[in-house]
Protein backbone atom coordinates (compact mmCIF):
# COMPACT_ATOMS: atom_id res chain seq x y z
CA UNK A 1 0.00 0.00 0.00
CA UNK A 2 2.84 2.36 0.82
CA UNK A 3 4.38 1.68 -2.60
CA UNK A 4 1.10 2.55 -4.34
CA UNK A 5 0.73 5.76 -2.33
CA UNK A 6 4.31 6.82 -3.09
CA UNK A 7 3.77 6.15 -6.79
CA UNK A 8 0.58 8.22 -6.79
CA UNK A 9 2.35 11.19 -5.16
CA UNK A 10 5.15 11.02 -7.71
CA UNK A 11 2.62 11.06 -10.55
CA UNK A 12 0.90 14.16 -9.17
CA UNK A 13 4.19 16.01 -8.61
CA UNK A 14 5.41 15.15 -12.10
CA UNK A 15 2.25 16.52 -13.68
CA UNK A 16 2.38 19.67 -11.56
CA UNK A 17 6.01 20.31 -12.49
CA UNK A 18 5.13 19.79 -16.16
CA UNK A 19 2.57 22.59 -15.93
CA UNK A 20 5.16 24.95 -14.37
CA UNK A 21 7.93 24.13 -16.84
CA UNK A 22 5.59 24.51 -19.81
CA UNK A 23 5.22 28.27 -19.22
CA UNK A 24 6.40 29.62 -22.59
CA UNK A 25 7.59 33.09 -21.62
CA UNK A 26 10.04 32.55 -18.76
CA UNK A 27 13.68 31.58 -19.26
CA UNK A 28 15.36 29.37 -16.69
CA UNK A 29 18.79 30.97 -17.19
CA UNK A 30 19.49 34.48 -15.98
CA UNK A 31 23.06 34.70 -17.25
CA UNK A 32 21.86 36.41 -20.42
CA UNK A 33 21.45 39.67 -18.48
CA UNK A 34 23.76 41.46 -16.08
CA UNK A 35 23.53 44.29 -13.55
CA UNK A 36 26.14 46.86 -14.61
CA UNK A 37 26.06 49.39 -11.77
CA UNK A 38 23.74 50.70 -9.06
CA UNK A 39 23.61 52.96 -6.04
CA UNK A 40 21.15 53.69 -3.25
CA UNK A 41 19.75 56.67 -1.37
CA UNK A 42 16.89 57.67 0.92
CA UNK A 43 13.78 59.00 -0.79
CA UNK A 44 13.58 62.77 -0.19
CA UNK A 45 10.55 64.65 1.12
CA UNK A 46 9.85 65.86 -2.42
CA UNK A 47 9.55 62.37 -3.88
CA UNK A 48 6.61 61.61 -6.15
CA UNK A 49 7.85 58.16 -7.12
CA UNK A 50 8.68 56.30 -3.90
CA UNK A 51 5.86 54.72 -1.94
CA UNK A 52 6.86 56.61 1.21
CA UNK A 53 9.22 59.42 2.15
CA UNK A 54 12.46 58.02 3.66
CA UNK A 55 12.17 54.70 1.81
CA UNK A 56 15.52 53.28 0.82
CA UNK A 57 15.81 53.37 -3.00
CA UNK A 58 18.25 51.51 -5.25
CA UNK A 59 18.70 52.62 -8.88
CA UNK A 60 20.85 51.03 -11.53
CA UNK A 61 21.17 49.57 -14.99
CA UNK A 62 20.99 46.10 -16.55
CA UNK A 63 22.25 44.91 -19.90
CA UNK A 64 21.27 42.14 -22.30
CA UNK A 65 24.52 40.16 -22.49
CA UNK A 66 23.03 37.32 -24.53
CA UNK A 67 22.79 36.79 -28.27
CA UNK A 68 19.01 37.10 -28.65
CA UNK A 69 16.34 39.69 -27.86
CA UNK A 70 15.01 39.65 -24.27
CA UNK A 71 11.39 40.45 -23.53
CA UNK A 72 11.77 41.82 -19.99
CA UNK A 73 14.28 41.75 -17.13
CA UNK A 74 13.32 41.56 -13.45
CA UNK A 75 15.87 42.45 -10.78
CA UNK A 76 15.82 41.69 -7.07
CA UNK A 77 17.53 43.56 -4.25
CA UNK A 78 18.43 42.88 -0.60
CA UNK A 79 19.62 45.24 2.13
CA UNK A 80 22.04 44.30 4.91
CA UNK A 81 23.61 45.68 8.05
CA UNK A 82 27.29 45.31 8.98
CA UNK A 83 26.61 41.84 10.42
CA UNK A 84 25.09 40.56 7.18
CA UNK A 85 21.52 40.62 8.51
CA UNK A 86 18.91 41.07 5.76
CA UNK A 87 16.57 43.95 6.55
CA UNK A 88 14.40 44.00 3.42
CA UNK A 89 14.12 42.64 -0.09
CA UNK A 90 12.15 43.65 -3.16
CA UNK A 91 12.05 43.27 -6.94
CA UNK A 92 11.12 45.35 -9.96
CA UNK A 93 11.10 45.21 -13.73
CA UNK A 94 13.61 47.16 -15.78
CA UNK A 95 12.13 50.19 -17.56
CA UNK A 96 12.51 48.87 -21.11
CA UNK A 97 11.41 45.73 -22.93
CA UNK A 98 12.49 43.79 -26.01
CA UNK A 99 16.15 44.55 -25.41
CA UNK A 100 18.43 43.58 -28.27
CA UNK A 101 21.90 42.16 -27.48
CA UNK A 102 24.11 44.66 -25.58
CA UNK A 103 21.20 47.05 -24.98
CA UNK A 104 20.76 48.53 -21.51
CA UNK A 105 17.79 49.55 -19.36
CA UNK A 106 17.45 51.38 -16.01
CA UNK A 107 15.65 50.04 -12.93
CA UNK A 108 14.19 51.50 -9.72
CA UNK A 109 13.88 49.43 -6.53
CA UNK A 110 11.75 50.79 -3.67
CA UNK A 111 12.30 48.96 -0.34
CA UNK A 112 9.02 49.68 1.41
CA UNK A 113 8.32 49.04 5.12
CA UNK A 114 5.92 46.23 4.17
CA UNK A 115 8.83 44.34 2.59
CA UNK A 116 11.09 44.62 5.64
CA UNK A 117 11.54 42.38 8.68
CA UNK A 118 10.37 45.13 11.04
CA UNK A 119 7.44 46.36 8.93
CA UNK A 120 8.65 49.94 9.43
CA UNK A 121 11.59 52.19 8.49
CA UNK A 122 13.58 51.84 11.70
CA UNK A 123 16.21 49.71 9.95
CA UNK A 124 16.99 52.21 7.16
CA UNK A 125 19.76 54.12 9.02
CA UNK A 126 21.52 50.80 9.77
CA UNK A 127 21.89 49.68 6.14
CA UNK A 128 25.54 49.30 5.17
CA UNK A 129 25.24 47.39 1.89
CA UNK A 130 22.76 46.59 -0.87
CA UNK A 131 22.99 43.78 -3.40
CA UNK A 132 21.10 43.70 -6.70
CA UNK A 133 20.96 40.78 -9.12
CA UNK A 134 18.95 39.56 -12.09
CA UNK A 135 15.98 37.51 -10.90
CA UNK A 136 14.06 36.61 -14.07
CA UNK A 137 14.22 37.27 -17.78
CA UNK A 138 11.43 36.56 -20.26
CA UNK A 139 11.47 35.65 -23.91
CA UNK A 140 10.43 38.16 -26.52
CA UNK A 141 7.68 36.94 -28.83
CA UNK A 142 8.44 36.56 -32.52
CA UNK A 143 6.56 39.80 -33.26
CA UNK A 144 8.20 41.80 -30.44
CA UNK A 145 10.81 43.94 -32.17
CA UNK A 146 11.88 47.47 -31.40
CA UNK A 147 10.88 50.23 -33.75
CA UNK A 148 14.08 52.01 -34.77
CA UNK A 149 12.48 54.94 -36.55
CA UNK A 150 12.36 57.28 -33.52
CA UNK A 151 15.33 59.64 -33.24
CA UNK A 152 16.23 62.42 -30.79
CA UNK A 153 17.74 65.79 -31.68
CA UNK A 154 18.27 69.34 -30.35
CA UNK A 155 19.20 67.95 -26.93
CA UNK A 156 19.71 70.58 -24.25
CA UNK A 157 20.82 70.26 -20.61
CA UNK A 158 19.66 72.74 -18.00
CA UNK A 159 21.10 72.42 -14.52
CA UNK A 160 20.33 75.89 -13.21
CA UNK A 161 18.77 76.06 -9.77
CA UNK A 162 19.73 72.49 -8.87
CA UNK A 163 17.20 70.82 -11.16
CA UNK A 164 18.90 68.72 -13.85
CA UNK A 165 16.69 68.71 -16.95
CA UNK A 166 17.17 67.29 -20.44
CA UNK A 167 14.93 68.54 -23.25
CA UNK A 168 14.83 67.94 -26.97
CA UNK A 169 12.83 66.67 -29.94
CA UNK A 170 11.74 63.16 -30.86
CA UNK A 171 10.89 62.59 -34.51
CA UNK A 172 9.43 59.58 -36.27
CA UNK A 173 11.87 59.16 -39.16
CA UNK A 174 10.58 55.70 -40.04
CA UNK A 175 7.70 54.50 -42.17
CA UNK A 176 5.35 53.27 -39.43
CA UNK A 177 2.97 55.05 -37.07
CA UNK A 178 3.62 54.49 -33.35
CA UNK A 179 1.81 55.27 -30.10
CA UNK A 180 2.51 55.37 -26.35
CA UNK A 181 5.93 56.93 -26.89
CA UNK A 182 7.92 56.84 -23.63
CA UNK A 183 11.44 57.65 -22.47
CA UNK A 184 13.60 55.57 -20.09
CA UNK A 185 16.41 57.83 -18.83
CA UNK A 186 19.57 56.90 -16.91
CA UNK A 187 21.83 59.41 -15.16
CA UNK A 188 25.48 58.75 -14.19
CA UNK A 189 28.08 60.34 -11.93
CA UNK A 190 31.70 61.01 -12.88
CA UNK A 191 32.61 57.36 -12.22
CA UNK A 192 29.95 56.07 -14.61
CA UNK A 193 27.78 54.74 -11.78
CA UNK A 194 24.02 55.10 -12.08
CA UNK A 195 22.76 57.57 -9.48
CA UNK A 196 19.30 58.41 -10.84
CA UNK A 197 16.69 57.17 -13.32
CA UNK A 198 13.33 58.23 -14.69
CA UNK A 199 10.54 57.02 -16.93
CA UNK A 200 8.53 59.60 -18.86
CA UNK A 201 5.38 58.53 -20.69
CA UNK A 202 4.66 61.12 -23.38
CA UNK A 203 1.46 59.37 -24.41
CA UNK A 204 2.09 60.56 -27.96
CA UNK A 205 1.11 59.01 -31.28
CA UNK A 206 3.52 59.85 -34.08
CA UNK A 207 2.92 59.25 -37.76
CA UNK A 208 5.93 59.03 -40.10
CA UNK A 209 7.74 62.37 -40.22
CA UNK A 210 5.98 63.81 -37.15
CA UNK A 211 8.07 65.36 -34.32
CA UNK A 212 7.25 66.07 -30.67
CA UNK A 213 9.13 67.78 -27.85
CA UNK A 214 10.11 66.20 -24.53
CA UNK A 215 11.60 67.10 -21.15
CA UNK A 216 12.92 64.65 -18.57
CA UNK A 217 14.26 65.06 -15.04
CA UNK A 218 15.59 62.42 -12.59
CA UNK A 219 13.14 60.84 -10.18
CA UNK A 220 13.66 61.90 -6.55
CA UNK A 221 15.73 64.83 -7.77
CA UNK A 222 17.45 67.16 -5.32
CA UNK A 223 20.05 69.89 -5.70
CA UNK A 224 22.71 67.53 -4.37
CA UNK A 225 21.76 64.82 -6.84
CA UNK A 226 21.72 67.24 -9.78
CA UNK A 227 25.20 68.47 -8.88
CA UNK A 228 26.58 64.91 -9.14
CA UNK A 229 25.19 64.10 -12.62
CA UNK A 230 27.86 64.07 -15.31
CA UNK A 231 26.20 62.12 -18.11
CA UNK A 232 22.92 60.55 -19.20
CA UNK A 233 21.32 58.21 -21.75
CA UNK A 234 17.76 58.24 -23.08
CA UNK A 235 16.04 55.19 -24.54
CA UNK A 236 12.88 55.74 -26.59
CA UNK A 237 10.14 53.10 -26.40
CA UNK A 238 6.93 52.89 -28.42
CA UNK A 239 4.17 50.57 -29.61
CA UNK A 240 3.37 50.19 -33.32
CA UNK A 241 -0.10 51.32 -34.30
CA UNK A 242 -2.14 48.34 -35.50
CA UNK A 243 -4.35 49.23 -38.48
CA UNK A 244 -8.05 48.77 -37.82
CA UNK A 245 -9.56 46.30 -40.24
CA UNK A 246 -12.72 47.38 -42.06
CA UNK A 247 -15.50 44.83 -41.48
CA UNK A 248 -16.80 43.24 -44.66
CA UNK A 249 -20.44 43.73 -45.60
CA UNK A 250 -22.37 40.44 -45.59
CA UNK A 251 -25.40 40.15 -47.84
CA UNK A 252 -28.66 39.48 -45.95
CA UNK A 253 -30.23 36.13 -46.99
CA UNK A 254 -33.59 36.41 -48.72
CA UNK A 255 -34.98 33.39 -46.92
CA UNK A 256 -34.59 32.22 -43.35
CA UNK A 257 -32.35 29.13 -43.22
CA UNK A 258 -34.01 25.98 -41.92
CA UNK A 259 -32.14 23.95 -39.35
CA UNK A 260 -31.82 20.20 -39.82
CA UNK A 261 -33.78 18.26 -37.15
CA UNK A 262 -31.08 15.57 -37.03
CA UNK A 263 -28.28 17.99 -36.20
CA UNK A 264 -27.40 19.11 -32.69
CA UNK A 265 -26.27 22.70 -31.95
CA UNK A 266 -22.61 23.25 -31.05
CA UNK A 267 -22.08 24.11 -27.38
CA UNK A 268 -21.25 27.76 -26.74
CA UNK A 269 -17.98 28.34 -24.88
CA UNK A 270 -18.15 30.63 -21.89
CA UNK A 271 -15.46 33.28 -22.45
CA UNK A 272 -15.20 33.88 -18.71
CA UNK A 273 -13.82 30.38 -18.05
CA UNK A 274 -10.19 30.05 -19.13
CA UNK A 275 -9.26 26.68 -17.60
CA UNK A 276 -6.53 25.05 -19.69
CA UNK A 277 -6.41 21.44 -20.86
CA UNK A 278 -3.35 20.58 -18.68
CA UNK A 279 -5.32 21.76 -15.61
CA UNK A 280 -8.25 19.49 -16.50
CA UNK A 281 -5.85 16.59 -17.02
CA UNK A 282 -4.19 17.16 -13.65
CA UNK A 283 -7.56 17.29 -11.85
CA UNK A 284 -8.70 14.06 -13.53
CA UNK A 285 -5.48 12.23 -12.64
CA UNK A 286 -5.66 13.38 -9.02
CA UNK A 287 -9.28 12.20 -8.72
CA UNK A 288 -8.38 8.85 -10.31
CA UNK A 289 -5.41 8.31 -7.99
CA UNK A 290 -7.47 9.15 -4.91
CA UNK A 291 -10.23 6.79 -6.06
CA UNK A 292 -7.73 3.93 -6.61
CA UNK A 293 -6.17 4.43 -3.18
CA UNK A 294 -9.58 4.56 -1.50
CA UNK A 295 -10.68 1.39 -3.31
CA UNK A 296 -7.54 -0.53 -2.34
CA UNK A 297 -7.88 0.54 1.29
CA UNK A 298 -11.54 -0.56 1.31
CA UNK A 299 -10.68 -3.98 -0.19
CA UNK A 300 -7.90 -4.45 2.33
CA UNK A 301 -10.26 -3.74 5.23
CA UNK A 302 -12.85 -6.15 3.85
CA UNK A 303 -10.17 -8.80 3.42
CA UNK A 304 -9.26 -8.46 7.07
CA UNK A 305 -12.93 -8.86 8.17
CA UNK A 306 -13.35 -11.99 6.06
CA UNK A 307 -10.33 -13.78 7.60
CA UNK A 308 -10.71 -13.35 11.34
CA UNK A 309 -8.57 -15.75 13.44
CA UNK A 310 -10.48 -18.91 14.39
CA UNK A 311 -9.37 -18.61 18.03
CA UNK A 312 -11.51 -15.50 18.61
CA UNK A 313 -14.69 -16.30 20.43
CA UNK A 314 -13.59 -19.79 21.60
């Protein structure tokens, strides 16, 4: 009986693991992306990005170091004190998708109180080190390619008054209309380390040849931060506009079609139920295994009742 039970458990686990491994969009290896540099700071009182003032923030940059396009990169971060005690951990997605080989993208990690061991911010002053690594990368679909027809020009830097600002023009120099134009910006200090990032959604739709202006500033910007910025990069993201198909006119039949009495109507699928075939299979196998085990246990009990020792009752 124990052998049958063990076999049944192995069958269920194998089917469950098959469902997990069959997810088409997640890569098992994370060595195709690498964290290049990062730094951390405490969210200022003027923050509009962090969840709370005084959250500990880590900003940095990842790069596609593989040979194929990556759909998305997720990074994870941990914070420690001088004794190596973990105070908090969190994860976030890099600010660009469909990265071609060698392309980079910024990230922003917000270590909120809810993700800490103390559920508050009392540990923030005791942080002495932060580690950031690649957690997950996803495959890009066959149709997920970057549109290369968006170019920037007339770039201007304004750092007067302690507010680092980059402005310029984006123009669609390609042959395709795009929408949801956005900018992922990365700011570096004199050592080339990332010290600030930002994501600016212009919400613009650009037809071929059309320009638009933009202006970006670092998230959580302060006068001190602006004074440390020595360089920047801007990555333009967009979504191709999908043409709307014109519905074809269908001629109205002159007579009402008559249904055949021998035919049965096709069942209508409920669009709200999205249970997959592997899930149904797993449920059926589990029910079958449980039924077999229950039946064997019942037969074993009956066998015992039919062969009582003859000495009982004498």
